[in-house]
Amino acid sequence: MTAQLKSTSENGTMVLTLSNPSLRNALGPEIYSAGIEALNGAEGSDEIRSVVIVGEGKWFCAGGSLQRLSENRARDPSVQTESIESLHNWIDSIRTFPKPVIAAVEGAAAGAGFSLALACDLIVSARDAIFAASYSNVALSPDGGLSWQLARSLPRQLASEWLMQGERIEAARLHQAGVVNALAESGQALAAALAIASRLNARAPNALASIKELLNEAGGSTLSEHLAQERDHFVRNLHHPNAGIGIDAFLSKKTPRYS
């Protein structure tokens, strides 16, 4: 069965479901291109305020297919280069997508599946889910931005441990490290992610877009540069109609309804 990325909509949230259950939702080029296409469509939709990425069945994502990687070893290196660039284009599209993206993890997120979860703005995980940066187990190095994400999120020694040893990491440990935002009971990660998405959907989209952009840019800016970026975003958002709605609602103790 060919890997698919299924798209549904629920109360302003687009749910993207990784569907390759026979291979534990392993990723492939068809999913990368479908993911980019889905986000491009959602970006221009006023109806979609957030995105949740989930795996079909009991697994979130097993990462890349080892069978496909083994086959690519017999081909020109450009074949694998092109495949990884497709993955990276999807990862980059998630990071630059101006709306919140939430990963809902059940079962396991391994290899590029772990990278995919980390590319999202928030991660909700079942308590019994497992994460694994298992590249070194098969003599490979990370892709999908995994080393970049962990280097930014964790002390170097802990990132080195997880990447070099390739051991299974319990969701609770990731939660303690601040990498997973919320834990849910087994089978309830999607419901918990949708609940968070619903709360985010009620907030001003322009403000959330600014927050996401500022967080993305913070690592590559000096303090002076970032202060200027914060200034520009703040002034732009103050003069957006949603600021008037939010301030008036706060002062009058009403619930704001943002456009």
C-alpha atoms as a PDB file:
ATOM      1  CA  MET A   1       0.000   0.000   0.000  1.00  0.00           C
ATOM      2  CA  THR A   2       1.362   3.412  -0.989  1.00  0.00           C
ATOM      3  CA  ALA A   3       1.981   5.897   1.809  1.00  0.00           C
ATOM      4  CA  GLN A   4      -0.628   8.642   1.967  1.00  0.00           C
ATOM      5  CA  LEU A   5      -1.236  11.860   3.835  1.00  0.00           C
ATOM      6  CA  LYS A   6      -4.933  12.144   4.626  1.00  0.00           C
ATOM      7  CA  SER A   7      -6.469  15.548   5.312  1.00  0.00           C
ATOM      8  CA  THR A   8      -9.627  16.310   7.271  1.00  0.00           C
ATOM      9  CA  SER A   9     -10.954  19.417   9.000  1.00  0.00           C
ATOM     10  CA  GLU A  10     -12.408  19.759  12.484  1.00  0.00           C
ATOM     11  CA  ASN A  11     -13.605  23.064  13.957  1.00  0.00           C
ATOM     12  CA  GLY A  12     -10.978  25.224  12.277  1.00  0.00           C
ATOM     13  CA  THR A  13      -8.164  22.676  12.591  1.00  0.00           C
ATOM     14  CA  MET A  14      -6.777  20.720   9.673  1.00  0.00           C
ATOM     15  CA  VAL A  15      -5.813  17.191  10.727  1.00  0.00           C
ATOM     16  CA  LEU A  16      -3.071  15.619   8.611  1.00  0.00           C
ATOM     17  CA  THR A  17      -2.885  11.856   9.103  1.00  0.00           C
ATOM     18  CA  LEU A  18       0.222   9.909   8.134  1.00  0.00           C
ATOM     19  CA  SER A  19      -1.153   6.747   6.558  1.00  0.00           C
ATOM     20  CA  ASN A  20       1.238   3.881   5.888  1.00  0.00           C
ATOM     21  CA  PRO A  21       0.145   1.480   8.635  1.00  0.00           C
ATOM     22  CA  SER A  22       1.817  -1.643   7.263  1.00  0.00           C
ATOM     23  CA  LEU A  23       5.180   0.129   7.726  1.00  0.00           C
ATOM     24  CA  ARG A  24       4.211   1.945  10.929  1.00  0.00           C
ATOM     25  CA  ASN A  25       3.544   5.140   8.963  1.00  0.00           C
ATOM     26  CA  ALA A  26       7.045   5.308   7.512  1.00  0.00           C
ATOM     27  CA  LEU A  27       7.660   8.460   5.496  1.00  0.00           C
ATOM     28  CA  GLY A  28       8.324   8.759   1.782  1.00  0.00           C
ATOM     29  CA  PRO A  29       8.478  11.344  -1.013  1.00  0.00           C
ATOM     30  CA  GLU A  30       4.727  11.146  -1.682  1.00  0.00           C
ATOM     31  CA  ILE A  31       4.015  12.243   1.888  1.00  0.00           C
ATOM     32  CA  TYR A  32       6.535  15.094   1.738  1.00  0.00           C
ATOM     33  CA  SER A  33       4.968  16.620  -1.374  1.00  0.00           C
ATOM     34  CA  ALA A  34       1.431  16.100  -0.066  1.00  0.00           C
ATOM     35  CA  GLY A  35       2.399  17.781   3.225  1.00  0.00           C
ATOM     36  CA  ILE A  36       3.743  20.859   1.485  1.00  0.00           C
ATOM     37  CA  GLU A  37       0.664  21.059  -0.744  1.00  0.00           C
ATOM     38  CA  ALA A  38      -1.670  20.750   2.256  1.00  0.00           C
ATOM     39  CA  LEU A  39       0.087  23.511   4.189  1.00  0.00           C
ATOM     40  CA  ASN A  40       0.129  25.801   1.160  1.00  0.00           C
ATOM     41  CA  GLY A  41      -3.632  25.390   0.875  1.00  0.00           C
ATOM     42  CA  ALA A  42      -4.224  25.893   4.595  1.00  0.00           C
ATOM     43  CA  GLU A  43      -2.096  29.025   4.700  1.00  0.00           C
ATOM     44  CA  GLY A  44      -4.490  30.855   2.408  1.00  0.00           C
ATOM     45  CA  SER A  45      -7.630  29.580   4.118  1.00  0.00           C
ATOM     46  CA  ASP A  46      -9.404  31.780   6.657  1.00  0.00           C
ATOM     47  CA  GLU A  47     -11.271  28.686   7.833  1.00  0.00           C
ATOM     48  CA  ILE A  48      -8.122  26.873   8.980  1.00  0.00           C
ATOM     49  CA  ARG A  49      -6.537  28.330  12.126  1.00  0.00           C
ATOM     50  CA  SER A  50      -4.226  25.448  13.105  1.00  0.00           C
ATOM     51  CA  VAL A  51      -2.907  22.047  12.019  1.00  0.00           C
ATOM     52  CA  VAL A  52      -2.522  18.745  13.872  1.00  0.00           C
ATOM     53  CA  ILE A  53      -0.269  15.980  12.523  1.00  0.00           C
ATOM     54  CA  VAL A  54      -1.095  12.445  13.672  1.00  0.00           C
ATOM     55  CA  GLY A  55      -0.307   8.888  12.620  1.00  0.00           C
ATOM     56  CA  GLU A  56      -2.915   6.361  11.546  1.00  0.00           C
ATOM     57  CA  GLY A  57      -3.459   3.549  14.006  1.00  0.00           C
ATOM     58  CA  LYS A  58      -1.159   2.828  16.926  1.00  0.00           C
ATOM     59  CA  TRP A  59       1.991   4.559  15.636  1.00  0.00           C
ATOM     60  CA  PHE A  60       2.886   8.157  14.950  1.00  0.00           C
ATOM     61  CA  CYS A  61       5.754   7.538  12.521  1.00  0.00           C
ATOM     62  CA  ALA A  62       8.631   5.065  12.201  1.00  0.00           C
ATOM     63  CA  GLY A  63      10.693   7.521  10.139  1.00  0.00           C
ATOM     64  CA  GLY A  64      12.194   6.542   6.803  1.00  0.00           C
ATOM     65  CA  SER A  65      11.748   3.095   5.289  1.00  0.00           C
ATOM     66  CA  LEU A  66      14.942   1.065   5.803  1.00  0.00           C
ATOM     67  CA  GLN A  67      14.000  -1.067   2.816  1.00  0.00           C
ATOM     68  CA  ARG A  68      13.879   2.032   0.606  1.00  0.00           C
ATOM     69  CA  LEU A  69      17.169   3.277   2.069  1.00  0.00           C
ATOM     70  CA  SER A  70      18.786  -0.084   1.363  1.00  0.00           C
ATOM     71  CA  GLU A  71      17.585   0.088  -2.244  1.00  0.00           C
ATOM     72  CA  ASN A  72      18.910   3.630  -2.584  1.00  0.00           C
ATOM     73  CA  ARG A  73      22.393   2.453  -1.605  1.00  0.00           C
ATOM     74  CA  ALA A  74      22.574   0.735  -4.998  1.00  0.00           C
ATOM     75  CA  ARG A  75      21.566   3.910  -6.815  1.00  0.00           C
ATOM     76  CA  ASP A  76      23.374   7.140  -7.514  1.00  0.00           C
ATOM     77  CA  PRO A  77      23.775   9.256  -4.313  1.00  0.00           C
ATOM     78  CA  SER A  78      21.708  11.967  -5.994  1.00  0.00           C
ATOM     79  CA  VAL A  79      18.603   9.801  -5.477  1.00  0.00           C
ATOM     80  CA  GLN A  80      18.910   9.934  -1.688  1.00  0.00           C
ATOM     81  CA  THR A  81      19.971  13.576  -1.811  1.00  0.00           C
ATOM     82  CA  GLU A  82      16.763  14.447  -3.634  1.00  0.00           C
ATOM     83  CA  SER A  83      14.673  12.434  -1.171  1.00  0.00           C
ATOM     84  CA  ILE A  84      16.201  14.131   1.862  1.00  0.00           C
ATOM     85  CA  GLU A  85      15.797  17.541   0.279  1.00  0.00           C
ATOM     86  CA  SER A  86      12.088  16.766  -0.189  1.00  0.00           C
ATOM     87  CA  LEU A  87      11.822  15.865   3.505  1.00  0.00           C
ATOM     88  CA  HIS A  88      13.675  19.021   4.461  1.00  0.00           C
ATOM     89  CA  ASN A  89      11.408  21.158   2.305  1.00  0.00           C
ATOM     90  CA  TRP A  90       8.427  19.779   4.222  1.00  0.00           C
ATOM     91  CA  ILE A  91      10.131  20.329   7.584  1.00  0.00           C
ATOM     92  CA  ASP A  92      10.940  23.905   6.575  1.00  0.00           C
ATOM     93  CA  SER A  93       7.355  24.482   5.415  1.00  0.00           C
ATOM     94  CA  ILE A  94       6.082  23.403   8.844  1.00  0.00           C
ATOM     95  CA  ARG A  95       8.468  25.760  10.627  1.00  0.00           C
ATOM     96  CA  THR A  96       7.582  28.730   8.402  1.00  0.00           C
ATOM     97  CA  PHE A  97       3.836  27.989   8.237  1.00  0.00           C
ATOM     98  CA  PRO A  98       2.235  31.028   9.928  1.00  0.00           C
ATOM     99  CA  LYS A  99      -0.281  29.016  11.966  1.00  0.00           C
ATOM    100  CA  PRO A 100       0.258  26.681  14.932  1.00  0.00           C
ATOM    101  CA  VAL A 101       1.177  23.067  14.100  1.00  0.00           C
ATOM    102  CA  ILE A 102       0.745  20.387  16.774  1.00  0.00           C
ATOM    103  CA  ALA A 103       2.069  16.819  16.723  1.00  0.00           C
ATOM    104  CA  ALA A 104      -0.183  14.194  18.342  1.00  0.00           C
ATOM    105  CA  VAL A 105       2.074  11.222  19.094  1.00  0.00           C
ATOM    106  CA  GLU A 106       0.909   7.694  19.847  1.00  0.00           C
ATOM    107  CA  GLY A 107       3.061   4.563  19.915  1.00  0.00           C
ATOM    108  CA  ALA A 108       6.399   5.830  18.708  1.00  0.00           C
ATOM    109  CA  ALA A 109       8.109   8.642  16.826  1.00  0.00           C
ATOM    110  CA  ALA A 110      11.406   7.300  15.506  1.00  0.00           C
ATOM    111  CA  GLY A 111      14.092   8.723  13.256  1.00  0.00           C
ATOM    112  CA  ALA A 112      12.565  11.210  10.834  1.00  0.00           C
ATOM    113  CA  GLY A 113       9.283  10.713  12.708  1.00  0.00           C
ATOM    114  CA  PHE A 114      10.982  12.241  15.745  1.00  0.00           C
ATOM    115  CA  SER A 115      12.283  15.035  13.497  1.00  0.00           C
ATOM    116  CA  LEU A 116       8.759  15.633  12.199  1.00  0.00           C
ATOM    117  CA  ALA A 117       7.324  15.911  15.708  1.00  0.00           C
ATOM    118  CA  LEU A 118      10.071  18.355  16.732  1.00  0.00           C
ATOM    119  CA  ALA A 119       9.379  20.521  13.673  1.00  0.00           C
ATOM    120  CA  CYS A 120       5.913  21.208  15.074  1.00  0.00           C
ATOM    121  CA  ASP A 121       5.256  24.111  17.436  1.00  0.00           C
ATOM    122  CA  LEU A 122       3.786  21.883  20.132  1.00  0.00           C
ATOM    123  CA  ILE A 123       3.948  18.158  20.892  1.00  0.00           C
ATOM    124  CA  VAL A 124       1.212  16.206  22.670  1.00  0.00           C
ATOM    125  CA  SER A 125       2.210  12.627  23.440  1.00  0.00           C
ATOM    126  CA  ALA A 126       0.562   9.572  24.885  1.00  0.00           C
ATOM    127  CA  ARG A 127       2.219   8.695  28.182  1.00  0.00           C
ATOM    128  CA  ASP A 128       3.307   5.294  26.859  1.00  0.00           C
ATOM    129  CA  ALA A 129       4.721   6.643  23.586  1.00  0.00           C
ATOM    130  CA  ILE A 130       8.387   6.197  22.761  1.00  0.00           C
ATOM    131  CA  PHE A 131      10.724   8.546  20.898  1.00  0.00           C
ATOM    132  CA  ALA A 132      13.961   7.403  19.298  1.00  0.00           C
ATOM    133  CA  ALA A 133      16.789   9.123  17.458  1.00  0.00           C
ATOM    134  CA  SER A 134      17.880   5.722  16.218  1.00  0.00           C
ATOM    135  CA  TYR A 135      20.097   6.676  13.285  1.00  0.00           C
ATOM    136  CA  SER A 136      23.351   5.528  14.897  1.00  0.00           C
ATOM    137  CA  ASN A 137      21.836   2.057  15.389  1.00  0.00           C
ATOM    138  CA  VAL A 138      22.190   1.522  11.628  1.00  0.00           C
ATOM    139  CA  ALA A 139      25.359   3.603  11.144  1.00  0.00           C
ATOM    140  CA  LEU A 140      23.530   6.721   9.929  1.00  0.00           C
ATOM    141  CA  SER A 141      23.382  10.354  11.032  1.00  0.00           C
ATOM    142  CA  PRO A 142      20.256  12.483  11.602  1.00  0.00           C
ATOM    143  CA  ASP A 143      18.123  14.232   9.027  1.00  0.00           C
ATOM    144  CA  GLY A 144      14.949  16.282   9.139  1.00  0.00           C
ATOM    145  CA  GLY A 145      16.550  18.895  11.392  1.00  0.00           C
ATOM    146  CA  LEU A 146      16.722  16.530  14.365  1.00  0.00           C
ATOM    147  CA  SER A 147      20.249  17.512  15.441  1.00  0.00           C
ATOM    148  CA  TRP A 148      19.397  21.217  15.005  1.00  0.00           C
ATOM    149  CA  GLN A 149      16.243  20.908  17.093  1.00  0.00           C
ATOM    150  CA  LEU A 150      17.844  18.926  19.902  1.00  0.00           C
ATOM    151  CA  ALA A 151      20.904  21.194  19.998  1.00  0.00           C
ATOM    152  CA  ARG A 152      18.601  24.184  20.492  1.00  0.00           C
ATOM    153  CA  SER A 153      16.339  22.466  23.015  1.00  0.00           C
ATOM    154  CA  LEU A 154      18.738  20.533  25.248  1.00  0.00           C
ATOM    155  CA  PRO A 155      22.149  20.681  26.904  1.00  0.00           C
ATOM    156  CA  ARG A 156      24.800  19.391  24.511  1.00  0.00           C
ATOM    157  CA  GLN A 157      25.525  16.339  26.649  1.00  0.00           C
ATOM    158  CA  LEU A 158      21.910  15.226  26.645  1.00  0.00           C
ATOM    159  CA  ALA A 159      21.515  15.821  22.896  1.00  0.00           C
ATOM    160  CA  SER A 160      24.732  13.839  22.362  1.00  0.00           C
ATOM    161  CA  GLU A 161      23.407  10.976  24.499  1.00  0.00           C
ATOM    162  CA  TRP A 162      20.140  10.696  22.615  1.00  0.00           C
ATOM    163  CA  LEU A 163      21.690  11.013  19.146  1.00  0.00           C
ATOM    164  CA  MET A 164      24.819   8.922  19.690  1.00  0.00           C
ATOM    165  CA  GLN A 165      23.306   6.097  21.738  1.00  0.00           C
ATOM    166  CA  GLY A 166      20.090   5.846  19.739  1.00  0.00           C
ATOM    167  CA  GLU A 167      18.144   4.514  22.696  1.00  0.00           C
ATOM    168  CA  ARG A 168      14.397   4.648  23.203  1.00  0.00           C
ATOM    169  CA  ILE A 169      13.283   7.722  25.146  1.00  0.00           C
ATOM    170  CA  GLU A 170      10.093   7.672  27.174  1.00  0.00           C
ATOM    171  CA  ALA A 171       7.599  10.468  26.644  1.00  0.00           C
ATOM    172  CA  ALA A 172       7.781  11.376  30.345  1.00  0.00           C
ATOM    173  CA  ARG A 173      11.500  12.115  30.043  1.00  0.00           C
ATOM    174  CA  LEU A 174      10.900  14.369  27.040  1.00  0.00           C
ATOM    175  CA  HIS A 175       8.143  16.091  28.991  1.00  0.00           C
ATOM    176  CA  GLN A 176      10.521  16.693  31.897  1.00  0.00           C
ATOM    177  CA  ALA A 177      13.090  18.107  29.456  1.00  0.00           C
ATOM    178  CA  GLY A 178      10.505  20.537  28.074  1.00  0.00           C
ATOM    179  CA  VAL A 179      10.435  18.960  24.604  1.00  0.00           C
ATOM    180  CA  VAL A 180       6.931  17.474  24.925  1.00  0.00           C
ATOM    181  CA  ASN A 181       4.280  19.988  25.975  1.00  0.00           C
ATOM    182  CA  ALA A 182       1.572  17.695  27.289  1.00  0.00           C
ATOM    183  CA  LEU A 183       1.029  14.035  28.136  1.00  0.00           C
ATOM    184  CA  ALA A 184      -2.232  12.220  27.450  1.00  0.00           C
ATOM    185  CA  GLU A 185      -3.547   8.788  28.225  1.00  0.00           C
ATOM    186  CA  SER A 186      -2.939   6.129  25.586  1.00  0.00           C
ATOM    187  CA  GLY A 187      -5.229   6.681  22.605  1.00  0.00           C
ATOM    188  CA  GLN A 188      -6.063  10.231  23.633  1.00  0.00           C
ATOM    189  CA  ALA A 189      -3.190  12.239  22.102  1.00  0.00           C
ATOM    190  CA  LEU A 190      -5.269  13.450  19.147  1.00  0.00           C
ATOM    191  CA  ALA A 191      -8.162  14.528  21.355  1.00  0.00           C
ATOM    192  CA  ALA A 192      -5.756  16.399  23.645  1.00  0.00           C
ATOM    193  CA  ALA A 193      -4.050  18.036  20.660  1.00  0.00           C
ATOM    194  CA  LEU A 194      -7.403  19.114  19.216  1.00  0.00           C
ATOM    195  CA  ALA A 195      -8.352  20.637  22.573  1.00  0.00           C
ATOM    196  CA  ILE A 196      -5.166  22.715  22.545  1.00  0.00           C
ATOM    197  CA  ALA A 197      -5.780  23.629  18.907  1.00  0.00           C
ATOM    198  CA  SER A 198      -9.289  24.796  19.784  1.00  0.00           C
ATOM    199  CA  ARG A 199      -7.898  27.171  22.397  1.00  0.00           C
ATOM    200  CA  LEU A 200      -5.313  28.492  19.930  1.00  0.00           C
ATOM    201  CA  ASN A 201      -7.974  28.900  17.242  1.00  0.00           C
ATOM    202  CA  ALA A 202      -9.730  31.406  19.490  1.00  0.00           C
ATOM    203  CA  ARG A 203      -6.674  33.680  19.539  1.00  0.00           C
ATOM    204  CA  ALA A 204      -5.743  36.326  16.986  1.00  0.00           C
ATOM    205  CA  PRO A 205      -4.090  34.606  13.989  1.00  0.00           C
ATOM    206  CA  ASN A 206      -1.838  37.583  13.250  1.00  0.00           C
ATOM    207  CA  ALA A 207      -0.461  37.570  16.812  1.00  0.00           C
ATOM    208  CA  LEU A 208       0.262  33.832  16.703  1.00  0.00           C
ATOM    209  CA  ALA A 209       1.964  34.230  13.327  1.00  0.00           C
ATOM    210  CA  SER A 210       4.191  36.951  14.770  1.00  0.00           C
ATOM    211  CA  ILE A 211       5.085  34.842  17.808  1.00  0.00           C
ATOM    212  CA  LYS A 212       6.027  31.893  15.594  1.00  0.00           C
ATOM    213  CA  GLU A 213       8.132  34.085  13.292  1.00  0.00           C
ATOM    214  CA  LEU A 214       9.909  35.752  16.212  1.00  0.00           C
ATOM    215  CA  LEU A 215      10.731  32.404  17.819  1.00  0.00           C
ATOM    216  CA  ASN A 216      12.074  31.095  14.509  1.00  0.00           C
ATOM    217  CA  GLU A 217      14.295  34.147  14.030  1.00  0.00           C
ATOM    218  CA  ALA A 218      15.544  34.467  17.610  1.00  0.00           C
ATOM    219  CA  GLY A 219      18.397  31.978  17.272  1.00  0.00           C
ATOM    220  CA  GLY A 220      19.972  33.809  14.350  1.00  0.00           C
ATOM    221  CA  SER A 221      19.634  37.360  15.633  1.00  0.00           C
ATOM    222  CA  THR A 222      21.602  39.512  18.014  1.00  0.00           C
ATOM    223  CA  LEU A 223      19.614  41.057  20.859  1.00  0.00           C
ATOM    224  CA  SER A 224      19.601  44.425  19.102  1.00  0.00           C
ATOM    225  CA  GLU A 225      18.354  42.876  15.876  1.00  0.00           C
ATOM    226  CA  HIS A 226      15.686  40.918  17.679  1.00  0.00           C
ATOM    227  CA  LEU A 227      14.500  43.927  19.650  1.00  0.00           C
ATOM    228  CA  ALA A 228      13.955  45.715  16.345  1.00  0.00           C
ATOM    229  CA  GLN A 229      11.990  42.741  15.023  1.00  0.00           C
ATOM    230  CA  GLU A 230       9.840  42.644  18.161  1.00  0.00           C
ATOM    231  CA  ARG A 231       9.194  46.386  17.810  1.00  0.00           C
ATOM    232  CA  ASP A 232       8.061  46.037  14.216  1.00  0.00           C
ATOM    233  CA  HIS A 233       5.785  43.085  14.957  1.00  0.00           C
ATOM    234  CA  PHE A 234       4.285  44.808  17.999  1.00  0.00           C
ATOM    235  CA  VAL A 235       3.480  48.029  16.136  1.00  0.00           C
ATOM    236  CA  ARG A 236       2.038  46.089  13.186  1.00  0.00           C
ATOM    237  CA  ASN A 237      -0.181  44.024  15.484  1.00  0.00           C
ATOM    238  CA  LEU A 238      -1.273  47.028  17.537  1.00  0.00           C
ATOM    239  CA  HIS A 239      -2.651  48.611  14.395  1.00  0.00           C
ATOM    240  CA  HIS A 240      -4.317  45.393  13.230  1.00  0.00           C
ATOM    241  CA  PRO A 241      -8.113  45.309  13.768  1.00  0.00           C
ATOM    242  CA  ASN A 242      -7.707  42.319  16.084  1.00  0.00           C
ATOM    243  CA  ALA A 243      -5.865  44.447  18.651  1.00  0.00           C
ATOM    244  CA  GLY A 244      -8.883  46.730  18.893  1.00  0.00           C
ATOM    245  CA  ILE A 245     -11.118  43.704  19.344  1.00  0.00           C
ATOM    246  CA  GLY A 246      -8.851  42.215  22.011  1.00  0.00           C
ATOM    247  CA  ILE A 247      -8.265  45.379  24.011  1.00  0.00           C
ATOM    248  CA  ASP A 248     -11.950  46.388  23.959  1.00  0.00           C
ATOM    249  CA  ALA A 249     -12.989  42.876  25.024  1.00  0.00           C
ATOM    250  CA  PHE A 250     -10.468  42.841  27.884  1.00  0.00           C
ATOM    251  CA  LEU A 251     -11.554  46.252  29.171  1.00  0.00           C
ATOM    252  CA  SER A 252     -15.233  45.346  28.954  1.00  0.00           C
ATOM    253  CA  LYS A 253     -14.641  41.828  30.364  1.00  0.00           C
ATOM    254  CA  LYS A 254     -16.068  40.105  27.276  1.00  0.00           C
ATOM    255  CA  THR A 255     -14.814  37.214  25.173  1.00  0.00           C
ATOM    256  CA  PRO A 256     -13.054  38.474  22.019  1.00  0.00           C
ATOM    257  CA  ARG A 257     -13.894  37.054  18.603  1.00  0.00           C
ATOM    258  CA  TYR A 258     -10.954  37.583  16.287  1.00  0.00           C
ATOM    259  CA  SER A 259     -11.039  37.683  12.519  1.00  0.00           C
END
